[in-house]
């Protein structure tokens, strides 16, 4: 994309400077993802904290696009572009399981032996101008007993369909909860 800007150099309206700018420009910048003026989505840490970040999305839309960006999956524009118009968001925790206190995993101290874990299934409902849609999130994690986190295993899995999300949740139960 290209853009033109015009700025006056003098008091005379006839004397102006036209600046030609090349390249893409971000239209919405979150801390770890951006939407660009050509409609693309990229994932990168924003490091220019001394500047005002461009923002064009509602909080609901930012949440939805953030889930897509952080998922590690590639979603087509047909999936995520409509989410830019989200006006409201409600999350529903459908399932949550944790390693029981008396489970042998709670007594282990190394990652190779397995740490206590948790698995969650959450449905995120978004209101769009033409109706509503949902994203399904599966979270799984193992947590070291001693509080260290450098070897923590973590899952952040976004799905478009309930059946896929429930299958992922069952796998997370097996892996993280035991």
Protein backbone atom coordinates (compact mmCIF):
# COMPACT_ATOMS: atom_id res chain seq x y z
CA UNK A 1 0.00 0.00 0.00
CA UNK A 2 1.08 3.54 -0.54
CA UNK A 3 -0.07 6.78 0.93
CA UNK A 4 0.10 10.48 0.25
CA UNK A 5 0.29 13.19 2.84
CA UNK A 6 0.22 16.92 2.28
CA UNK A 7 1.66 19.43 4.71
CA UNK A 8 1.87 23.19 4.28
CA UNK A 9 5.37 24.71 4.28
CA UNK A 10 4.36 28.35 4.42
CA UNK A 11 1.46 30.63 5.11
CA UNK A 12 0.58 30.54 1.41
CA UNK A 13 -1.94 27.77 0.57
CA UNK A 14 -0.26 27.38 -2.84
CA UNK A 15 2.99 26.26 -1.36
CA UNK A 16 2.65 22.72 -0.04
CA UNK A 17 4.94 19.77 0.24
CA UNK A 18 3.68 16.40 -0.87
CA UNK A 19 5.33 13.41 0.74
CA UNK A 20 5.11 9.99 -0.85
CA UNK A 21 5.32 7.12 1.64
CA UNK A 22 5.94 3.52 0.61
CA UNK A 23 5.09 0.35 2.45
CA UNK A 24 2.49 -1.07 4.76
CA UNK A 25 1.23 0.74 7.82
CA UNK A 26 -0.19 -0.83 10.95
CA UNK A 27 -3.82 0.08 11.65
CA UNK A 28 -4.08 -1.78 14.96
CA UNK A 29 -1.12 -2.70 17.15
CA UNK A 30 -1.41 -4.93 20.22
CA UNK A 31 1.56 -5.92 22.38
CA UNK A 32 2.30 -9.07 20.37
CA UNK A 33 0.40 -8.78 17.05
CA UNK A 34 -0.57 -6.22 14.41
CA UNK A 35 -3.17 -5.71 11.68
CA UNK A 36 -1.90 -3.85 8.61
CA UNK A 37 -3.64 -1.58 6.11
CA UNK A 38 -3.61 -4.35 3.48
CA UNK A 39 -5.72 -6.53 5.82
CA UNK A 40 -2.89 -8.84 6.90
CA UNK A 41 -2.21 -10.05 10.43
CA UNK A 42 1.28 -10.51 11.80
CA UNK A 43 2.65 -11.75 15.08
CA UNK A 44 5.57 -9.84 16.59
CA UNK A 45 6.39 -8.13 19.84
CA UNK A 46 5.82 -4.39 19.60
CA UNK A 47 8.88 -2.61 20.94
CA UNK A 48 8.22 1.04 20.12
CA UNK A 49 6.59 1.91 23.43
CA UNK A 50 7.63 5.55 23.14
CA UNK A 51 5.01 6.06 20.41
CA UNK A 52 1.23 6.01 20.45
CA UNK A 53 0.10 2.70 18.98
CA UNK A 54 -2.52 2.75 16.22
CA UNK A 55 -5.86 1.30 17.37
CA UNK A 56 -8.96 0.64 15.27
CA UNK A 57 -10.65 -2.36 16.93
CA UNK A 58 -13.17 -2.61 19.74
CA UNK A 59 -12.11 -4.48 22.88
CA UNK A 60 -14.18 -7.49 21.77
CA UNK A 61 -12.56 -7.50 18.33
CA UNK A 62 -9.10 -7.11 19.85
CA UNK A 63 -9.77 -10.11 22.10
CA UNK A 64 -10.96 -12.27 19.18
CA UNK A 65 -8.08 -11.35 16.88
CA UNK A 66 -5.65 -11.81 19.78
CA UNK A 67 -6.88 -15.38 20.26
CA UNK A 68 -6.37 -16.08 16.55
CA UNK A 69 -2.91 -14.47 16.52
CA UNK A 70 -1.69 -16.30 19.63
CA UNK A 71 -3.00 -19.70 18.57
CA UNK A 72 0.02 -20.60 16.49
CA UNK A 73 -2.32 -21.79 13.74
CA UNK A 74 -2.93 -20.25 10.36
CA UNK A 75 -6.54 -19.15 9.94
CA UNK A 76 -7.80 -17.84 6.60
CA UNK A 77 -8.97 -14.26 6.26
CA UNK A 78 -12.49 -15.63 5.76
CA UNK A 79 -12.34 -16.75 9.39
CA UNK A 80 -10.74 -13.83 11.16
CA UNK A 81 -11.65 -10.78 9.06
CA UNK A 82 -15.31 -10.80 10.25
CA UNK A 83 -14.03 -10.85 13.85
CA UNK A 84 -12.64 -7.32 13.33
CA UNK A 85 -16.27 -6.16 13.58
CA UNK A 86 -17.01 -7.83 16.95
CA UNK A 87 -18.89 -5.52 19.29
CA UNK A 88 -19.29 -7.72 22.38
CA UNK A 89 -17.62 -10.75 23.94
CA UNK A 90 -18.67 -13.27 26.59
CA UNK A 91 -16.53 -16.20 27.77
CA UNK A 92 -18.07 -19.42 29.13
CA UNK A 93 -15.85 -21.92 30.94
CA UNK A 94 -17.37 -25.27 29.99
CA UNK A 95 -14.86 -27.67 31.50
CA UNK A 96 -11.93 -27.44 33.89
CA UNK A 97 -9.90 -30.20 35.46
CA UNK A 98 -6.79 -30.24 37.59
CA UNK A 99 -4.56 -32.95 38.91
CA UNK A 100 -6.15 -34.17 42.17
CA UNK A 101 -4.16 -33.41 45.36
CA UNK A 102 -3.59 -37.12 46.08
CA UNK A 103 -2.44 -37.92 42.52
CA UNK A 104 1.16 -39.20 42.25
CA UNK A 105 1.98 -36.33 39.84
CA UNK A 106 1.60 -33.91 42.75
CA UNK A 107 4.56 -35.55 44.46
CA UNK A 108 6.94 -35.41 41.49
CA UNK A 109 9.58 -32.74 41.24
CA UNK A 110 10.90 -33.05 37.67
CA UNK A 111 9.36 -32.46 34.27
CA UNK A 112 10.27 -35.93 33.08
CA UNK A 113 8.18 -37.43 35.90
CA UNK A 114 5.25 -35.10 35.13
CA UNK A 115 4.10 -32.09 37.13
CA UNK A 116 0.60 -31.35 38.39
CA UNK A 117 -1.47 -29.90 35.59
CA UNK A 118 -4.69 -28.28 34.49
CA UNK A 119 -6.89 -28.41 31.39
CA UNK A 120 -9.69 -25.99 30.45
CA UNK A 121 -12.28 -25.70 27.71
CA UNK A 122 -13.70 -22.21 27.17
CA UNK A 123 -16.20 -21.01 24.57
CA UNK A 124 -15.83 -17.37 23.54
CA UNK A 125 -18.98 -15.86 22.00
CA UNK A 126 -18.68 -12.71 19.88
CA UNK A 127 -21.46 -10.43 18.69
CA UNK A 128 -21.00 -9.33 15.08
CA UNK A 129 -23.11 -6.88 13.04
CA UNK A 130 -24.73 -9.77 11.13
CA UNK A 131 -25.15 -12.19 14.05
CA UNK A 132 -22.76 -14.02 16.33
CA UNK A 133 -19.91 -16.51 16.23
CA UNK A 134 -17.87 -18.54 18.69
CA UNK A 135 -14.25 -19.53 19.12
CA UNK A 136 -13.33 -22.49 21.29
CA UNK A 137 -10.18 -22.34 23.42
CA UNK A 138 -8.41 -25.30 25.01
CA UNK A 139 -5.77 -24.47 27.59
CA UNK A 140 -3.48 -27.03 29.14
CA UNK A 141 -0.49 -26.59 31.40
CA UNK A 142 1.84 -28.38 33.76
CA UNK A 143 3.08 -26.41 36.74
CA UNK A 144 6.25 -27.22 38.68
CA UNK A 145 5.66 -27.74 42.39
CA UNK A 146 8.68 -25.64 43.35
CA UNK A 147 7.28 -22.61 41.47
CA UNK A 148 9.91 -22.60 38.71
CA UNK A 149 8.47 -22.09 35.27
CA UNK A 150 11.24 -22.42 32.74
CA UNK A 151 10.24 -25.97 31.76
CA UNK A 152 6.48 -25.53 32.04
CA UNK A 153 4.59 -27.17 29.17
CA UNK A 154 1.71 -25.01 27.92
CA UNK A 155 -1.09 -25.43 25.36
CA UNK A 156 -3.18 -22.60 23.83
CA UNK A 157 -5.35 -24.24 21.18
CA UNK A 158 -8.08 -22.29 19.31
CA UNK A 159 -10.83 -24.09 17.37
CA UNK A 160 -13.73 -23.05 15.18
CA UNK A 161 -15.86 -26.11 15.96
CA UNK A 162 -17.01 -27.62 19.24
CA UNK A 163 -16.20 -31.22 18.21
CA UNK A 164 -12.58 -30.34 17.45
CA UNK A 165 -12.27 -28.40 20.70
CA UNK A 166 -13.69 -31.25 22.78
CA UNK A 167 -11.28 -33.73 21.16
CA UNK A 168 -8.39 -31.37 21.95
CA UNK A 169 -9.65 -31.00 25.53
CA UNK A 170 -9.72 -34.79 25.98
CA UNK A 171 -6.12 -34.98 24.74
CA UNK A 172 -5.19 -32.16 27.13
CA UNK A 173 -6.79 -34.03 30.04
CA UNK A 174 -4.65 -37.07 29.29
CA UNK A 175 -1.45 -35.08 28.83
CA UNK A 176 -1.73 -32.44 31.54
CA UNK A 177 -4.03 -33.81 34.24
CA UNK A 178 -3.16 -37.49 34.09
